[in-house]
Amino acid sequence: QVHVVESGGDLVQAGGSLTLSCVASGSIFSINAVNWHRQIPGKQRELVATITSGGRTNYADSVKGRFTISRDNFKNTVYLQMNSLKPEDTAVYYCNALIAHGSSSYLYSYWGQGTQVTVSS
């Protein structure tokens, strides 16, 4: 069994910064790509940032230059550093990790419960 837990969401003023953390624990052989998504009520979930097992990153155009995704493989943790926050960044942020339980190449997708980020104007 695997648990993925996000933390770090908070209320912050526009222009401020937050760092979100995503920790995976349990029966983990390896963690492949990890994605951060966000969702505003009534809207589709949006992919915000991705980091591969090799450390390559990709970002949505809306957050490029402001958000940075990184990972600490020893801690099974992925971070999302968010700077210059805007009110439109307000959403629930979810972590999605692709995890292998053994030496086979099959990857299982796990989601966390989400953490709320609110940016006031």
C-alpha atoms as a PDB file:
ATOM      1  CA  GLN A   1       0.000   0.000   0.000  1.00  0.00           C
ATOM      2  CA  VAL A   2       1.194   3.484  -0.848  1.00  0.00           C
ATOM      3  CA  HIS A   3       0.254   6.824   0.641  1.00  0.00           C
ATOM      4  CA  VAL A   4       0.790  10.148  -1.087  1.00  0.00           C
ATOM      5  CA  VAL A   5       0.350  13.197   1.121  1.00  0.00           C
ATOM      6  CA  GLU A   6       0.533  16.851   0.137  1.00  0.00           C
ATOM      7  CA  SER A   7       1.167  19.683   2.556  1.00  0.00           C
ATOM      8  CA  GLY A   8       2.094  23.337   2.581  1.00  0.00           C
ATOM      9  CA  GLY A   9      -1.091  24.939   1.309  1.00  0.00           C
ATOM     10  CA  ASP A  10      -2.040  28.199   2.953  1.00  0.00           C
ATOM     11  CA  LEU A  11      -3.581  31.628   2.540  1.00  0.00           C
ATOM     12  CA  VAL A  12      -1.084  34.088   1.076  1.00  0.00           C
ATOM     13  CA  GLN A  13      -1.204  37.566  -0.398  1.00  0.00           C
ATOM     14  CA  ALA A  14      -0.667  38.175  -4.094  1.00  0.00           C
ATOM     15  CA  GLY A  15       3.026  38.368  -4.858  1.00  0.00           C
ATOM     16  CA  GLY A  16       3.884  36.005  -2.041  1.00  0.00           C
ATOM     17  CA  SER A  17       5.438  32.547  -2.066  1.00  0.00           C
ATOM     18  CA  LEU A  18       4.586  29.064  -0.880  1.00  0.00           C
ATOM     19  CA  THR A  19       6.299  25.704  -1.052  1.00  0.00           C
ATOM     20  CA  LEU A  20       4.169  22.590  -1.363  1.00  0.00           C
ATOM     21  CA  SER A  21       5.480  19.151  -0.444  1.00  0.00           C
ATOM     22  CA  CYS A  22       4.393  15.742  -1.672  1.00  0.00           C
ATOM     23  CA  VAL A  23       5.608  12.733   0.309  1.00  0.00           C
ATOM     24  CA  ALA A  24       5.142   9.144  -0.815  1.00  0.00           C
ATOM     25  CA  SER A  25       5.420   6.285   1.653  1.00  0.00           C
ATOM     26  CA  GLY A  26       4.695   2.574   1.796  1.00  0.00           C
ATOM     27  CA  SER A  27       5.542  -0.252  -0.557  1.00  0.00           C
ATOM     28  CA  ILE A  28       7.733   1.669  -2.998  1.00  0.00           C
ATOM     29  CA  PHE A  29      10.391   0.192  -5.235  1.00  0.00           C
ATOM     30  CA  SER A  30      10.904   3.379  -7.222  1.00  0.00           C
ATOM     31  CA  ILE A  31       9.113   6.616  -8.024  1.00  0.00           C
ATOM     32  CA  ASN A  32       8.958   7.554 -11.686  1.00  0.00           C
ATOM     33  CA  ALA A  33       7.410  10.842 -12.804  1.00  0.00           C
ATOM     34  CA  VAL A  34       5.566  13.029 -10.334  1.00  0.00           C
ATOM     35  CA  ASN A  35       3.023  15.629 -11.361  1.00  0.00           C
ATOM     36  CA  TRP A  36       1.401  18.542  -9.597  1.00  0.00           C
ATOM     37  CA  HIS A  37      -2.147  19.332 -10.690  1.00  0.00           C
ATOM     38  CA  ARG A  38      -4.591  21.944  -9.479  1.00  0.00           C
ATOM     39  CA  GLN A  39      -8.339  22.242  -9.553  1.00  0.00           C
ATOM     40  CA  ILE A  40     -10.752  25.099  -9.073  1.00  0.00           C
ATOM     41  CA  PRO A  41     -14.281  24.051  -8.070  1.00  0.00           C
ATOM     42  CA  GLY A  42     -16.413  23.527 -11.156  1.00  0.00           C
ATOM     43  CA  LYS A  43     -13.418  23.369 -13.484  1.00  0.00           C
ATOM     44  CA  GLN A  44     -11.276  20.599 -14.897  1.00  0.00           C
ATOM     45  CA  ARG A  45      -8.134  19.551 -13.126  1.00  0.00           C
ATOM     46  CA  GLU A  46      -5.097  21.264 -14.682  1.00  0.00           C
ATOM     47  CA  LEU A  47      -1.571  19.860 -14.982  1.00  0.00           C
ATOM     48  CA  VAL A  48       0.785  22.419 -13.455  1.00  0.00           C
ATOM     49  CA  ALA A  49       4.236  20.816 -13.385  1.00  0.00           C
ATOM     50  CA  THR A  50       5.981  17.495 -13.985  1.00  0.00           C
ATOM     51  CA  ILE A  51       9.321  16.088 -12.918  1.00  0.00           C
ATOM     52  CA  THR A  52      10.688  12.828 -14.323  1.00  0.00           C
ATOM     53  CA  SER A  53      12.789  10.271 -12.493  1.00  0.00           C
ATOM     54  CA  GLY A  54      15.813  11.806 -14.177  1.00  0.00           C
ATOM     55  CA  GLY A  55      14.933  15.292 -13.014  1.00  0.00           C
ATOM     56  CA  ARG A  56      13.587  16.737 -16.247  1.00  0.00           C
ATOM     57  CA  THR A  57      10.840  19.276 -15.641  1.00  0.00           C
ATOM     58  CA  ASN A  58       7.922  20.690 -17.557  1.00  0.00           C
ATOM     59  CA  TYR A  59       5.486  23.457 -16.672  1.00  0.00           C
ATOM     60  CA  ALA A  60       2.140  24.821 -17.741  1.00  0.00           C
ATOM     61  CA  ASP A  61       2.516  28.120 -19.549  1.00  0.00           C
ATOM     62  CA  SER A  62       0.529  29.832 -16.801  1.00  0.00           C
ATOM     63  CA  VAL A  63       3.197  29.085 -14.179  1.00  0.00           C
ATOM     64  CA  LYS A  64       6.447  29.119 -16.179  1.00  0.00           C
ATOM     65  CA  GLY A  65       9.045  31.333 -14.586  1.00  0.00           C
ATOM     66  CA  ARG A  66       7.134  31.450 -11.284  1.00  0.00           C
ATOM     67  CA  PHE A  67       6.893  27.816 -10.140  1.00  0.00           C
ATOM     68  CA  THR A  68       9.732  25.327  -9.675  1.00  0.00           C
ATOM     69  CA  ILE A  69       9.302  21.603  -9.193  1.00  0.00           C
ATOM     70  CA  SER A  70      12.075  19.574  -7.577  1.00  0.00           C
ATOM     71  CA  ARG A  71      12.555  16.206  -5.921  1.00  0.00           C
ATOM     72  CA  ASP A  72      14.529  14.588  -3.134  1.00  0.00           C
ATOM     73  CA  ASN A  73      14.738  10.904  -4.004  1.00  0.00           C
ATOM     74  CA  PHE A  74      16.167   9.945  -0.612  1.00  0.00           C
ATOM     75  CA  LYS A  75      13.114  11.369   1.090  1.00  0.00           C
ATOM     76  CA  ASN A  76      10.590  10.245  -1.573  1.00  0.00           C
ATOM     77  CA  THR A  77       9.494  13.866  -1.654  1.00  0.00           C
ATOM     78  CA  VAL A  78       8.649  16.286  -4.435  1.00  0.00           C
ATOM     79  CA  TYR A  79       8.363  20.029  -3.891  1.00  0.00           C
ATOM     80  CA  LEU A  80       6.561  22.795  -5.724  1.00  0.00           C
ATOM     81  CA  GLN A  81       8.061  26.192  -5.030  1.00  0.00           C
ATOM     82  CA  MET A  82       5.551  28.865  -6.004  1.00  0.00           C
ATOM     83  CA  ASN A  83       6.652  32.475  -6.300  1.00  0.00           C
ATOM     84  CA  SER A  84       4.902  35.648  -7.431  1.00  0.00           C
ATOM     85  CA  LEU A  85       1.567  34.081  -6.645  1.00  0.00           C
ATOM     86  CA  LYS A  86      -1.553  35.487  -8.269  1.00  0.00           C
ATOM     87  CA  PRO A  87      -5.217  35.229  -7.228  1.00  0.00           C
ATOM     88  CA  GLU A  88      -5.790  32.976 -10.233  1.00  0.00           C
ATOM     89  CA  ASP A  89      -3.405  30.434  -8.674  1.00  0.00           C
ATOM     90  CA  THR A  90      -6.036  29.799  -6.022  1.00  0.00           C
ATOM     91  CA  ALA A  91      -6.977  26.122  -6.197  1.00  0.00           C
ATOM     92  CA  VAL A  92      -6.628  22.761  -4.541  1.00  0.00           C
ATOM     93  CA  TYR A  93      -3.236  21.362  -5.506  1.00  0.00           C
ATOM     94  CA  TYR A  94      -2.884  17.615  -5.979  1.00  0.00           C
ATOM     95  CA  CYS A  95       0.192  15.434  -6.266  1.00  0.00           C
ATOM     96  CA  ASN A  96       0.173  12.429  -8.601  1.00  0.00           C
ATOM     97  CA  ALA A  97       3.029   9.942  -8.386  1.00  0.00           C
ATOM     98  CA  LEU A  98       3.815   7.055 -10.751  1.00  0.00           C
ATOM     99  CA  ILE A  99       5.254   4.299  -8.582  1.00  0.00           C
ATOM    100  CA  ALA A 100       6.712   0.862  -9.164  1.00  0.00           C
ATOM    101  CA  HIS A 101       6.242  -1.791  -6.476  1.00  0.00           C
ATOM    102  CA  GLY A 102       8.872  -4.120  -7.838  1.00  0.00           C
ATOM    103  CA  SER A 103      11.501  -4.497 -10.486  1.00  0.00           C
ATOM    104  CA  SER A 104       8.907  -4.816 -13.278  1.00  0.00           C
ATOM    105  CA  SER A 105       8.306  -1.741 -15.390  1.00  0.00           C
ATOM    106  CA  TYR A 106       4.611  -1.448 -14.502  1.00  0.00           C
ATOM    107  CA  LEU A 107       3.779   1.874 -12.860  1.00  0.00           C
ATOM    108  CA  TYR A 108       0.842   2.546 -10.579  1.00  0.00           C
ATOM    109  CA  SER A 109      -0.696   5.990 -10.326  1.00  0.00           C
ATOM    110  CA  TYR A 110      -1.357   7.399  -6.856  1.00  0.00           C
ATOM    111  CA  TRP A 111      -3.015  10.661  -5.902  1.00  0.00           C
ATOM    112  CA  GLY A 112      -2.905  12.628  -2.698  1.00  0.00           C
ATOM    113  CA  GLN A 113      -5.892  14.235  -1.021  1.00  0.00           C
ATOM    114  CA  GLY A 114      -4.940  17.758  -2.064  1.00  0.00           C
ATOM    115  CA  THR A 115      -3.868  20.907  -0.269  1.00  0.00           C
ATOM    116  CA  GLN A 116      -5.648  24.259  -0.540  1.00  0.00           C
ATOM    117  CA  VAL A 117      -3.788  27.300  -1.817  1.00  0.00           C
ATOM    118  CA  THR A 118      -5.603  30.608  -1.563  1.00  0.00           C
ATOM    119  CA  VAL A 119      -4.079  33.809  -2.919  1.00  0.00           C
ATOM    120  CA  SER A 120      -5.754  37.036  -1.861  1.00  0.00           C
ATOM    121  CA  SER A 121      -5.600  40.187  -3.955  1.00  0.00           C
END
